[in-house]
Structures are given as C-alpha cells and as structure tokens.
Amino acid sequence: MRVVSKGLLRDYWESPGRRDSEVPLKTWYDVATTARWTSHNDVKASYGVNVDLAYGHHVFNIGGNKYRLICRIDFVRHGVLTLWVGTHREYDGLCAEGWKLLQQL
C-alpha cells in the first residue's frame, strides 16, 4: 500500500511527550507499506482486534492501545491516507464530538 502521509506520523512522534509512539508508528507504517490489502477483511487479518471500521475510516490501536491512528484506505488504488493520530483519551474526545473534524476531511 502507498501511505500518505508519513509526515503526520513523524510530526506526532517528534512532538513533546510522544517519543514512545515512534517505534509503534514506524512499525504500523512498515506493515502498511508492505501490505496488499484489498478489503477490510485483509486489514483485520493483519491487525485483528487492533483495527476497527468507523464512519468509513479505519481506526488502529497503536502502542498497546495507548495511541489511535485514523486512516482512509482506498483498496482500489492501494492507498492509505493518514488523517489523525492521538492518544486514546484524545480519540475518546473526538468520538464525543461525533467525528465532526474528520467528516470535514
């Protein structure tokens, strides 16, 4: 898969207090870039309970569920668009807002 954008991930792990997210985010990136996902079932086969589908977005549990990564996956074009990364707590706040921010992307 072609992942857009690694810069979002890098900016996150380089931000203060988030250095522990670097290895798990790089691991996710490595898995995603070598994957040949053609459906949500393929993603589930790779990540099992650590990925969910919500409002047309894939939500990955990262770093032992400490972080969440939200992406859109285009199975036809073999692309993954990273949209948001944050702590589990920040994700809960995002859900409380009804995903308004992501629906604008």
PDB file of N, CA and C in Angstrom:
ATOM      1  N   MET A   1       0.852  -1.170   0.000  1.00  0.00           N
ATOM      2  CA  MET A   1       0.000   0.000   0.000  1.00  0.00           C
ATOM      3  C   MET A   1       0.902   1.239   0.000  1.00  0.00           C
ATOM      4  N   ARG A   2       0.407   2.283  -0.590  1.00  0.00           N
ATOM      5  CA  ARG A   2       1.100   3.571  -0.567  1.00  0.00           C
ATOM      6  C   ARG A   2       0.506   4.388   0.574  1.00  0.00           C
ATOM      7  N   VAL A   3       1.323   4.791   1.526  1.00  0.00           N
ATOM      8  CA  VAL A   3       0.849   5.517   2.701  1.00  0.00           C
ATOM      9  C   VAL A   3       1.137   7.005   2.538  1.00  0.00           C
ATOM     10  N   VAL A   4       0.096   7.801   2.690  1.00  0.00           N
ATOM     11  CA  VAL A   4       0.184   9.257   2.667  1.00  0.00           C
ATOM     12  C   VAL A   4      -0.408   9.724   3.989  1.00  0.00           C
ATOM     13  N   SER A   5       0.189  10.333   4.863  1.00  0.00           N
ATOM     14  CA  SER A   5       1.500  10.928   4.812  1.00  0.00           C
ATOM     15  C   SER A   5       2.279  10.485   6.040  1.00  0.00           C
ATOM     16  N   LYS A   6       3.490  10.046   5.793  1.00  0.00           N
ATOM     17  CA  LYS A   6       4.363   9.656   6.897  1.00  0.00           C
ATOM     18  C   LYS A   6       4.707  10.885   7.739  1.00  0.00           C
ATOM     19  N   GLY A   7       4.688  12.057   7.116  1.00  0.00           N
ATOM     20  CA  GLY A   7       4.994  13.294   7.835  1.00  0.00           C
ATOM     21  C   GLY A   7       4.085  13.533   9.026  1.00  0.00           C
ATOM     22  N   LEU A   8       2.819  13.185   8.901  1.00  0.00           N
ATOM     23  CA  LEU A   8       1.884  13.321  10.025  1.00  0.00           C
ATOM     24  C   LEU A   8       2.341  12.456  11.196  1.00  0.00           C
ATOM     25  N   LEU A   9       2.764  11.235  10.884  1.00  0.00           N
ATOM     26  CA  LEU A   9       3.243  10.318  11.919  1.00  0.00           C
ATOM     27  C   LEU A   9       4.522  10.857  12.546  1.00  0.00           C
ATOM     28  N   ARG A  10       5.458  11.296  11.699  1.00  0.00           N
ATOM     29  CA  ARG A  10       6.734  11.811  12.198  1.00  0.00           C
ATOM     30  C   ARG A  10       6.525  13.042  13.071  1.00  0.00           C
ATOM     31  N   ASP A  11       5.682  13.956  12.632  1.00  0.00           N
ATOM     32  CA  ASP A  11       5.392  15.149  13.428  1.00  0.00           C
ATOM     33  C   ASP A  11       4.855  14.764  14.797  1.00  0.00           C
ATOM     34  N   TYR A  12       4.040  13.723  14.825  1.00  0.00           N
ATOM     35  CA  TYR A  12       3.465  13.296  16.091  1.00  0.00           C
ATOM     36  C   TYR A  12       4.526  12.728  17.017  1.00  0.00           C
ATOM     37  N   TRP A  13       5.329  11.764  16.525  1.00  0.00           N
ATOM     38  CA  TRP A  13       6.296  11.133  17.414  1.00  0.00           C
ATOM     39  C   TRP A  13       7.422  12.080  17.813  1.00  0.00           C
ATOM     40  N   GLU A  14       7.624  13.155  17.048  1.00  0.00           N
ATOM     41  CA  GLU A  14       8.646  14.135  17.417  1.00  0.00           C
ATOM     42  C   GLU A  14       8.113  15.215  18.362  1.00  0.00           C
ATOM     43  N   SER A  15       6.815  15.222  18.609  1.00  0.00           N
ATOM     44  CA  SER A  15       6.243  16.227  19.500  1.00  0.00           C
ATOM     45  C   SER A  15       6.548  15.877  20.958  1.00  0.00           C
ATOM     46  N   PRO A  16       6.627  16.896  21.814  1.00  0.00           N
ATOM     47  CA  PRO A  16       6.971  16.652  23.223  1.00  0.00           C
ATOM     48  C   PRO A  16       6.015  15.653  23.890  1.00  0.00           C
ATOM     49  N   GLY A  17       6.598  14.717  24.614  1.00  0.00           N
ATOM     50  CA  GLY A  17       5.811  13.747  25.355  1.00  0.00           C
ATOM     51  C   GLY A  17       5.290  12.583  24.536  1.00  0.00           C
ATOM     52  N   ARG A  18       5.665  12.504  23.254  1.00  0.00           N
ATOM     53  CA  ARG A  18       5.138  11.448  22.375  1.00  0.00           C
ATOM     54  C   ARG A  18       6.233  10.555  21.800  1.00  0.00           C
ATOM     55  N   ARG A  19       7.454  10.655  22.324  1.00  0.00           N
ATOM     56  CA  ARG A  19       8.565   9.879  21.769  1.00  0.00           C
ATOM     57  C   ARG A  19       8.302   8.378  21.825  1.00  0.00           C
ATOM     58  N   ASP A  20       7.525   7.934  22.798  1.00  0.00           N
ATOM     59  CA  ASP A  20       7.247   6.496  22.908  1.00  0.00           C
ATOM     60  C   ASP A  20       6.347   5.984  21.787  1.00  0.00           C
ATOM     61  N   SER A  21       5.780   6.890  20.992  1.00  0.00           N
ATOM     62  CA  SER A  21       4.936   6.469  19.875  1.00  0.00           C
ATOM     63  C   SER A  21       5.749   6.189  18.614  1.00  0.00           C
ATOM     64  N   GLU A  22       7.031   6.560  18.609  1.00  0.00           N
ATOM     65  CA  GLU A  22       7.841   6.426  17.388  1.00  0.00           C
ATOM     66  C   GLU A  22       7.929   4.982  16.901  1.00  0.00           C
ATOM     67  N   VAL A  23       8.350   4.081  17.752  1.00  0.00           N
ATOM     68  CA  VAL A  23       8.533   2.684  17.317  1.00  0.00           C
ATOM     69  C   VAL A  23       7.206   2.060  16.880  1.00  0.00           C
ATOM     70  N   PRO A  24       6.121   2.188  17.655  1.00  0.00           N
ATOM     71  CA  PRO A  24       4.874   1.575  17.185  1.00  0.00           C
ATOM     72  C   PRO A  24       4.331   2.208  15.902  1.00  0.00           C
ATOM     73  N   LEU A  25       4.508   3.518  15.733  1.00  0.00           N
ATOM     74  CA  LEU A  25       4.034   4.156  14.496  1.00  0.00           C
ATOM     75  C   LEU A  25       4.892   3.738  13.303  1.00  0.00           C
ATOM     76  N   LYS A  26       6.188   3.627  13.512  1.00  0.00           N
ATOM     77  CA  LYS A  26       7.050   3.146  12.425  1.00  0.00           C
ATOM     78  C   LYS A  26       6.716   1.703  12.072  1.00  0.00           C
ATOM     79  N   THR A  27       6.407   0.906  13.076  1.00  0.00           N
ATOM     80  CA  THR A  27       6.026  -0.488  12.826  1.00  0.00           C
ATOM     81  C   THR A  27       4.741  -0.542  12.013  1.00  0.00           C
ATOM     82  N   TRP A  28       3.744   0.258  12.402  1.00  0.00           N
ATOM     83  CA  TRP A  28       2.499   0.309  11.632  1.00  0.00           C
ATOM     84  C   TRP A  28       2.788   0.713  10.191  1.00  0.00           C
ATOM     85  N   TYR A  29       3.616   1.734  10.007  1.00  0.00           N
ATOM     86  CA  TYR A  29       3.956   2.226   8.670  1.00  0.00           C
ATOM     87  C   TYR A  29       4.609   1.114   7.841  1.00  0.00           C
ATOM     88  N   ASP A  30       5.553   0.397   8.432  1.00  0.00           N
ATOM     89  CA  ASP A  30       6.228  -0.687   7.719  1.00  0.00           C
ATOM     90  C   ASP A  30       5.251  -1.782   7.308  1.00  0.00           C
ATOM     91  N   VAL A  31       4.345  -2.144   8.202  1.00  0.00           N
ATOM     92  CA  VAL A  31       3.338  -3.163   7.874  1.00  0.00           C
ATOM     93  C   VAL A  31       2.423  -2.662   6.759  1.00  0.00           C
ATOM     94  N   ALA A  32       1.949  -1.427   6.878  1.00  0.00           N
ATOM     95  CA  ALA A  32       1.019  -0.876   5.890  1.00  0.00           C
ATOM     96  C   ALA A  32       1.659  -0.751   4.511  1.00  0.00           C
ATOM     97  N   THR A  33       2.922  -0.328   4.443  1.00  0.00           N
ATOM     98  CA  THR A  33       3.555  -0.130   3.133  1.00  0.00           C
ATOM     99  C   THR A  33       3.879  -1.445   2.432  1.00  0.00           C
ATOM    100  N   THR A  34       3.975  -2.519   3.190  1.00  0.00           N
ATOM    101  CA  THR A  34       4.236  -3.815   2.557  1.00  0.00           C
ATOM    102  C   THR A  34       2.957  -4.639   2.366  1.00  0.00           C
ATOM    103  N   ALA A  35       1.850  -4.147   2.890  1.00  0.00           N
ATOM    104  CA  ALA A  35       0.576  -4.879   2.808  1.00  0.00           C
ATOM    105  C   ALA A  35      -0.002  -4.838   1.395  1.00  0.00           C
ATOM    106  N   ARG A  36      -0.822  -5.805   1.106  1.00  0.00           N
ATOM    107  CA  ARG A  36      -1.573  -5.882  -0.152  1.00  0.00           C
ATOM    108  C   ARG A  36      -3.060  -6.006   0.173  1.00  0.00           C
ATOM    109  N   TRP A  37      -3.547  -5.085   1.004  1.00  0.00           N
ATOM    110  CA  TRP A  37      -4.929  -5.138   1.435  1.00  0.00           C
ATOM    111  C   TRP A  37      -5.869  -4.861   0.270  1.00  0.00           C
ATOM    112  N   THR A  38      -6.890  -5.701   0.136  1.00  0.00           N
ATOM    113  CA  THR A  38      -7.916  -5.490  -0.894  1.00  0.00           C
ATOM    114  C   THR A  38      -9.309  -5.312  -0.290  1.00  0.00           C
ATOM    115  N   SER A  39      -9.389  -5.465   1.037  1.00  0.00           N
ATOM    116  CA  SER A  39     -10.667  -5.325   1.719  1.00  0.00           C
ATOM    117  C   SER A  39     -10.427  -5.120   3.212  1.00  0.00           C
ATOM    118  N   HIS A  40     -11.497  -4.754   3.898  1.00  0.00           N
ATOM    119  CA  HIS A  40     -11.403  -4.620   5.350  1.00  0.00           C
ATOM    120  C   HIS A  40     -11.017  -5.950   5.998  1.00  0.00           C
ATOM    121  N   ASN A  41     -11.466  -7.046   5.421  1.00  0.00           N
ATOM    122  CA  ASN A  41     -11.108  -8.363   5.967  1.00  0.00           C
ATOM    123  C   ASN A  41      -9.601  -8.596   5.928  1.00  0.00           C
ATOM    124  N   ASP A  42      -8.927  -8.105   4.886  1.00  0.00           N
ATOM    125  CA  ASP A  42      -7.467  -8.226   4.820  1.00  0.00           C
ATOM    126  C   ASP A  42      -6.803  -7.416   5.929  1.00  0.00           C
ATOM    127  N   VAL A  43      -7.330  -6.225   6.184  1.00  0.00           N
ATOM    128  CA  VAL A  43      -6.790  -5.377   7.257  1.00  0.00           C
ATOM    129  C   VAL A  43      -6.984  -6.084   8.600  1.00  0.00           C
ATOM    130  N   LYS A  44      -8.180  -6.647   8.810  1.00  0.00           N
ATOM    131  CA  LYS A  44      -8.468  -7.377  10.052  1.00  0.00           C
ATOM    132  C   LYS A  44      -7.541  -8.589  10.196  1.00  0.00           C
ATOM    133  N   ALA A  45      -7.223  -9.241   9.079  1.00  0.00           N
ATOM    134  CA  ALA A  45      -6.319 -10.385   9.141  1.00  0.00           C
ATOM    135  C   ALA A  45      -4.934  -9.957   9.607  1.00  0.00           C
ATOM    136  N   SER A  46      -4.533  -8.739   9.266  1.00  0.00           N
ATOM    137  CA  SER A  46      -3.226  -8.219   9.689  1.00  0.00           C
ATOM    138  C   SER A  46      -3.245  -7.709  11.119  1.00  0.00           C
ATOM    139  N   TYR A  47      -4.339  -7.056  11.516  1.00  0.00           N
ATOM    140  CA  TYR A  47      -4.373  -6.354  12.799  1.00  0.00           C
ATOM    141  C   TYR A  47      -5.369  -6.903  13.803  1.00  0.00           C
ATOM    142  N   GLY A  48      -6.249  -7.788  13.393  1.00  0.00           N
ATOM    143  CA  GLY A  48      -7.202  -8.400  14.329  1.00  0.00           C
ATOM    144  C   GLY A  48      -8.007  -7.374  15.095  1.00  0.00           C
ATOM    145  N   VAL A  49      -8.012  -7.528  16.405  1.00  0.00           N
ATOM    146  CA  VAL A  49      -8.816  -6.643  17.255  1.00  0.00           C
ATOM    147  C   VAL A  49      -8.232  -5.238  17.346  1.00  0.00           C
ATOM    148  N   ASN A  50      -7.070  -5.028  16.772  1.00  0.00           N
ATOM    149  CA  ASN A  50      -6.423  -3.721  16.847  1.00  0.00           C
ATOM    150  C   ASN A  50      -6.786  -2.789  15.702  1.00  0.00           C
ATOM    151  N   VAL A  51      -7.847  -3.104  14.997  1.00  0.00           N
ATOM    152  CA  VAL A  51      -8.368  -2.198  13.967  1.00  0.00           C
ATOM    153  C   VAL A  51      -9.887  -2.312  13.935  1.00  0.00           C
ATOM    154  N   ASP A  52     -10.528  -1.163  13.776  1.00  0.00           N
ATOM    155  CA  ASP A  52     -11.983  -1.100  13.648  1.00  0.00           C
ATOM    156  C   ASP A  52     -12.332  -0.214  12.474  1.00  0.00           C
ATOM    157  N   LEU A  53     -13.518  -0.382  11.975  1.00  0.00           N
ATOM    158  CA  LEU A  53     -14.044   0.456  10.901  1.00  0.00           C
ATOM    159  C   LEU A  53     -15.137   1.322  11.502  1.00  0.00           C
ATOM    160  N   ALA A  54     -14.966   2.644  11.403  1.00  0.00           N
ATOM    161  CA  ALA A  54     -15.931   3.576  11.978  1.00  0.00           C
ATOM    162  C   ALA A  54     -16.128   4.751  11.042  1.00  0.00           C
ATOM    163  N   TYR A  55     -17.367   4.968  10.626  1.00  0.00           N
ATOM    164  CA  TYR A  55     -17.706   6.088   9.750  1.00  0.00           C
ATOM    165  C   TYR A  55     -16.851   6.103   8.482  1.00  0.00           C
ATOM    166  N   GLY A  56     -16.549   4.938   7.948  1.00  0.00           N
ATOM    167  CA  GLY A  56     -15.764   4.846   6.726  1.00  0.00           C
ATOM    168  C   GLY A  56     -14.268   5.027   6.926  1.00  0.00           C
ATOM    169  N   HIS A  57     -13.834   5.098   8.166  1.00  0.00           N
ATOM    170  CA  HIS A  57     -12.419   5.255   8.486  1.00  0.00           C
ATOM    171  C   HIS A  57     -11.923   4.014   9.222  1.00  0.00           C
ATOM    172  N   HIS A  58     -10.664   3.682   9.007  1.00  0.00           N
ATOM    173  CA  HIS A  58     -10.041   2.605   9.776  1.00  0.00           C
ATOM    174  C   HIS A  58      -9.348   3.226  10.976  1.00  0.00           C
ATOM    175  N   VAL A  59      -9.613   2.665  12.144  1.00  0.00           N
ATOM    176  CA  VAL A  59      -9.048   3.153  13.401  1.00  0.00           C
ATOM    177  C   VAL A  59      -8.155   2.050  13.959  1.00  0.00           C
ATOM    178  N   PHE A  60      -6.859   2.355  14.046  1.00  0.00           N
ATOM    179  CA  PHE A  60      -5.872   1.389  14.521  1.00  0.00           C
ATOM    180  C   PHE A  60      -5.486   1.699  15.958  1.00  0.00           C
ATOM    181  N   ASN A  61      -5.400   0.657  16.780  1.00  0.00           N
ATOM    182  CA  ASN A  61      -4.826   0.769  18.122  1.00  0.00           C
ATOM    183  C   ASN A  61      -3.316   0.653  17.956  1.00  0.00           C
ATOM    184  N   ILE A  62      -2.603   1.629  18.466  1.00  0.00           N
ATOM    185  CA  ILE A  62      -1.154   1.695  18.297  1.00  0.00           C
ATOM    186  C   ILE A  62      -0.490   1.714  19.676  1.00  0.00           C
ATOM    187  N   GLY A  63       0.612   1.013  19.795  1.00  0.00           N
ATOM    188  CA  GLY A  63       1.385   1.043  21.037  1.00  0.00           C
ATOM    189  C   GLY A  63       0.637   0.492  22.226  1.00  0.00           C
ATOM    190  N   GLY A  64       0.053  -0.686  22.056  1.00  0.00           N
ATOM    191  CA  GLY A  64      -0.683  -1.292  23.164  1.00  0.00           C
ATOM    192  C   GLY A  64      -1.947  -0.543  23.515  1.00  0.00           C
ATOM    193  N   ASN A  65      -2.552   0.084  22.513  1.00  0.00           N
ATOM    194  CA  ASN A  65      -3.800   0.836  22.657  1.00  0.00           C
ATOM    195  C   ASN A  65      -3.614   2.175  23.376  1.00  0.00           C
ATOM    196  N   LYS A  66      -2.373   2.616  23.514  1.00  0.00           N
ATOM    197  CA  LYS A  66      -2.131   3.936  24.094  1.00  0.00           C
ATOM    198  C   LYS A  66      -2.464   5.036  23.091  1.00  0.00           C
ATOM    199  N   TYR A  67      -2.244   4.742  21.823  1.00  0.00           N
ATOM    200  CA  TYR A  67      -2.483   5.711  20.751  1.00  0.00           C
ATOM    201  C   TYR A  67      -3.493   5.158  19.761  1.00  0.00           C
ATOM    202  N   ARG A  68      -4.121   6.077  19.043  1.00  0.00           N
ATOM    203  CA  ARG A  68      -5.044   5.708  17.971  1.00  0.00           C
ATOM    204  C   ARG A  68      -4.604   6.399  16.692  1.00  0.00           C
ATOM    205  N   LEU A  69      -4.736   5.705  15.583  1.00  0.00           N
ATOM    206  CA  LEU A  69      -4.415   6.226  14.258  1.00  0.00           C
ATOM    207  C   LEU A  69      -5.638   6.041  13.377  1.00  0.00           C
ATOM    208  N   ILE A  70      -6.092   7.124  12.778  1.00  0.00           N
ATOM    209  CA  ILE A  70      -7.270   7.073  11.911  1.00  0.00           C
ATOM    210  C   ILE A  70      -6.823   7.283  10.471  1.00  0.00           C
ATOM    211  N   CYS A  71      -7.286   6.406   9.603  1.00  0.00           N
ATOM    212  CA  CYS A  71      -6.906   6.432   8.186  1.00  0.00           C
ATOM    213  C   CYS A  71      -8.123   6.191   7.303  1.00  0.00           C
ATOM    214  N   ARG A  72      -7.975   6.583   6.058  1.00  0.00           N
ATOM    215  CA  ARG A  72      -8.885   6.149   5.000  1.00  0.00           C
ATOM    216  C   ARG A  72      -8.098   5.231   4.100  1.00  0.00           C
ATOM    217  N   ILE A  73      -8.661   4.107   3.767  1.00  0.00           N
ATOM    218  CA  ILE A  73      -7.972   3.155   2.905  1.00  0.00           C
ATOM    219  C   ILE A  73      -8.735   3.035   1.594  1.00  0.00           C
ATOM    220  N   ASP A  74      -8.024   3.264   0.492  1.00  0.00           N
ATOM    221  CA  ASP A  74      -8.579   3.101  -0.850  1.00  0.00           C
ATOM    222  C   ASP A  74      -8.049   1.770  -1.377  1.00  0.00           C
ATOM    223  N   PHE A  75      -8.875   0.750  -1.312  1.00  0.00           N
ATOM    224  CA  PHE A  75      -8.450  -0.587  -1.700  1.00  0.00           C
ATOM    225  C   PHE A  75      -8.228  -0.707  -3.204  1.00  0.00           C
ATOM    226  N   VAL A  76      -8.924   0.099  -3.993  1.00  0.00           N
ATOM    227  CA  VAL A  76      -8.779   0.045  -5.454  1.00  0.00           C
ATOM    228  C   VAL A  76      -7.449   0.649  -5.874  1.00  0.00           C
ATOM    229  N   ARG A  77      -7.115   1.794  -5.309  1.00  0.00           N
ATOM    230  CA  ARG A  77      -5.865   2.488  -5.680  1.00  0.00           C
ATOM    231  C   ARG A  77      -4.687   2.083  -4.798  1.00  0.00           C
ATOM    232  N   HIS A  78      -4.936   1.223  -3.842  1.00  0.00           N
ATOM    233  CA  HIS A  78      -3.898   0.722  -2.930  1.00  0.00           C
ATOM    234  C   HIS A  78      -3.220   1.851  -2.165  1.00  0.00           C
ATOM    235  N   GLY A  79      -4.039   2.737  -1.619  1.00  0.00           N
ATOM    236  CA  GLY A  79      -3.514   3.859  -0.867  1.00  0.00           C
ATOM    237  C   GLY A  79      -4.113   3.951   0.525  1.00  0.00           C
ATOM    238  N   VAL A  80      -3.311   4.488   1.439  1.00  0.00           N
ATOM    239  CA  VAL A  80      -3.746   4.715   2.814  1.00  0.00           C
ATOM    240  C   VAL A  80      -3.467   6.176   3.133  1.00  0.00           C
ATOM    241  N   LEU A  81      -4.502   6.907   3.477  1.00  0.00           N
ATOM    242  CA  LEU A  81      -4.364   8.309   3.840  1.00  0.00           C
ATOM    243  C   LEU A  81      -4.452   8.433   5.353  1.00  0.00           C
ATOM    244  N   THR A  82      -3.342   8.797   5.988  1.00  0.00           N
ATOM    245  CA  THR A  82      -3.358   9.002   7.438  1.00  0.00           C
ATOM    246  C   THR A  82      -4.015  10.347   7.710  1.00  0.00           C
ATOM    247  N   LEU A  83      -4.998  10.354   8.583  1.00  0.00           N
ATOM    248  CA  LEU A  83      -5.771  11.561   8.859  1.00  0.00           C
ATOM    249  C   LEU A  83      -5.523  12.148  10.233  1.00  0.00           C
ATOM    250  N   TRP A  84      -5.314  11.282  11.217  1.00  0.00           N
ATOM    251  CA  TRP A  84      -5.231  11.766  12.597  1.00  0.00           C
ATOM    252  C   TRP A  84      -4.511  10.743  13.437  1.00  0.00           C
ATOM    253  N   VAL A  85      -3.713  11.227  14.378  1.00  0.00           N
ATOM    254  CA  VAL A  85      -3.087  10.354  15.380  1.00  0.00           C
ATOM    255  C   VAL A  85      -3.142  11.084  16.718  1.00  0.00           C
ATOM    256  N   GLY A  86      -3.432  10.327  17.755  1.00  0.00           N
ATOM    257  CA  GLY A  86      -3.529  10.924  19.082  1.00  0.00           C
ATOM    258  C   GLY A  86      -3.597   9.845  20.142  1.00  0.00           C
ATOM    259  N   THR A  87      -3.702  10.273  21.375  1.00  0.00           N
ATOM    260  CA  THR A  87      -3.820   9.314  22.474  1.00  0.00           C
ATOM    261  C   THR A  87      -5.230   8.718  22.461  1.00  0.00           C
ATOM    262  N   HIS A  88      -5.364   7.635  23.179  1.00  0.00           N
ATOM    263  CA  HIS A  88      -6.680   7.010  23.302  1.00  0.00           C
ATOM    264  C   HIS A  88      -7.672   8.005  23.922  1.00  0.00           C
ATOM    265  N   ARG A  89      -7.213   8.755  24.892  1.00  0.00           N
ATOM    266  CA  ARG A  89      -8.086   9.741  25.547  1.00  0.00           C
ATOM    267  C   ARG A  89      -8.525  10.841  24.569  1.00  0.00           C
ATOM    268  N   GLU A  90      -7.593  11.309  23.736  1.00  0.00           N
ATOM    269  CA  GLU A  90      -7.940  12.312  22.725  1.00  0.00           C
ATOM    270  C   GLU A  90      -8.934  11.745  21.723  1.00  0.00           C
ATOM    271  N   TYR A  91      -8.761  10.484  21.392  1.00  0.00           N
ATOM    272  CA  TYR A  91      -9.689   9.810  20.485  1.00  0.00           C
ATOM    273  C   TYR A  91     -11.090   9.749  21.093  1.00  0.00           C
ATOM    274  N   ASP A  92     -11.173   9.432  22.380  1.00  0.00           N
ATOM    275  CA  ASP A  92     -12.470   9.405  23.050  1.00  0.00           C
ATOM    276  C   ASP A  92     -13.151  10.773  22.963  1.00  0.00           C
ATOM    277  N   GLY A  93     -12.369  11.839  23.118  1.00  0.00           N
ATOM    278  CA  GLY A  93     -12.915  13.190  22.987  1.00  0.00           C
ATOM    279  C   GLY A  93     -13.396  13.464  21.572  1.00  0.00           C
ATOM    280  N   LEU A  94     -12.661  12.962  20.596  1.00  0.00           N
ATOM    281  CA  LEU A  94     -13.052  13.109  19.199  1.00  0.00           C
ATOM    282  C   LEU A  94     -14.383  12.405  18.936  1.00  0.00           C
ATOM    283  N   CYS A  95     -14.527  11.222  19.494  1.00  0.00           N
ATOM    284  CA  CYS A  95     -15.776  10.475  19.333  1.00  0.00           C
ATOM    285  C   CYS A  95     -16.935  11.202  19.996  1.00  0.00           C
ATOM    286  N   ALA A  96     -16.671  11.834  21.122  1.00  0.00           N
ATOM    287  CA  ALA A  96     -17.717  12.588  21.822  1.00  0.00           C
ATOM    288  C   ALA A  96     -18.215  13.754  20.977  1.00  0.00           C
ATOM    289  N   GLU A  97     -17.358  14.262  20.117  1.00  0.00           N
ATOM    290  CA  GLU A  97     -17.733  15.357  19.217  1.00  0.00           C
ATOM    291  C   GLU A  97     -18.433  14.843  17.962  1.00  0.00           C
ATOM    292  N   GLY A  98     -18.618  13.549  17.870  1.00  0.00           N
ATOM    293  CA  GLY A  98     -19.309  12.965  16.717  1.00  0.00           C
ATOM    294  C   GLY A  98     -18.487  12.970  15.445  1.00  0.00           C
ATOM    295  N   TRP A  99     -17.171  12.996  15.594  1.00  0.00           N
ATOM    296  CA  TRP A  99     -16.248  12.942  14.462  1.00  0.00           C
ATOM    297  C   TRP A  99     -16.405  14.125  13.522  1.00  0.00           C
ATOM    298  N   LYS A 100     -16.906  15.250  14.000  1.00  0.00           N
ATOM    299  CA  LYS A 100     -17.132  16.415  13.149  1.00  0.00           C
ATOM    300  C   LYS A 100     -15.863  16.841  12.422  1.00  0.00           C
ATOM    301  N   LEU A 101     -14.731  16.802  13.116  1.00  0.00           N
ATOM    302  CA  LEU A 101     -13.483  17.217  12.487  1.00  0.00           C
ATOM    303  C   LEU A 101     -13.098  16.320  11.325  1.00  0.00           C
ATOM    304  N   LEU A 102     -13.256  15.034  11.496  1.00  0.00           N
ATOM    305  CA  LEU A 102     -12.859  14.103  10.430  1.00  0.00           C
ATOM    306  C   LEU A 102     -13.825  14.133   9.257  1.00  0.00           C
ATOM    307  N   GLN A 103     -15.068  14.407   9.509  1.00  0.00           N
ATOM    308  CA  GLN A 103     -16.034  14.441   8.426  1.00  0.00           C
ATOM    309  C   GLN A 103     -15.749  15.597   7.475  1.00  0.00           C
ATOM    310  N   GLN A 104     -14.982  16.583   7.944  1.00  0.00           N
ATOM    311  CA  GLN A 104     -14.629  17.707   7.089  1.00  0.00           C
ATOM    312  C   GLN A 104     -13.440  17.412   6.209  1.00  0.00           C
ATOM    313  N   LEU A 105     -12.701  16.333   6.490  1.00  0.00           N
ATOM    314  CA  LEU A 105     -11.523  15.993   5.688  1.00  0.00           C
ATOM    315  C   LEU A 105     -11.906  15.304   4.399  1.00  0.00           C
TER     316      LEU A 105
END
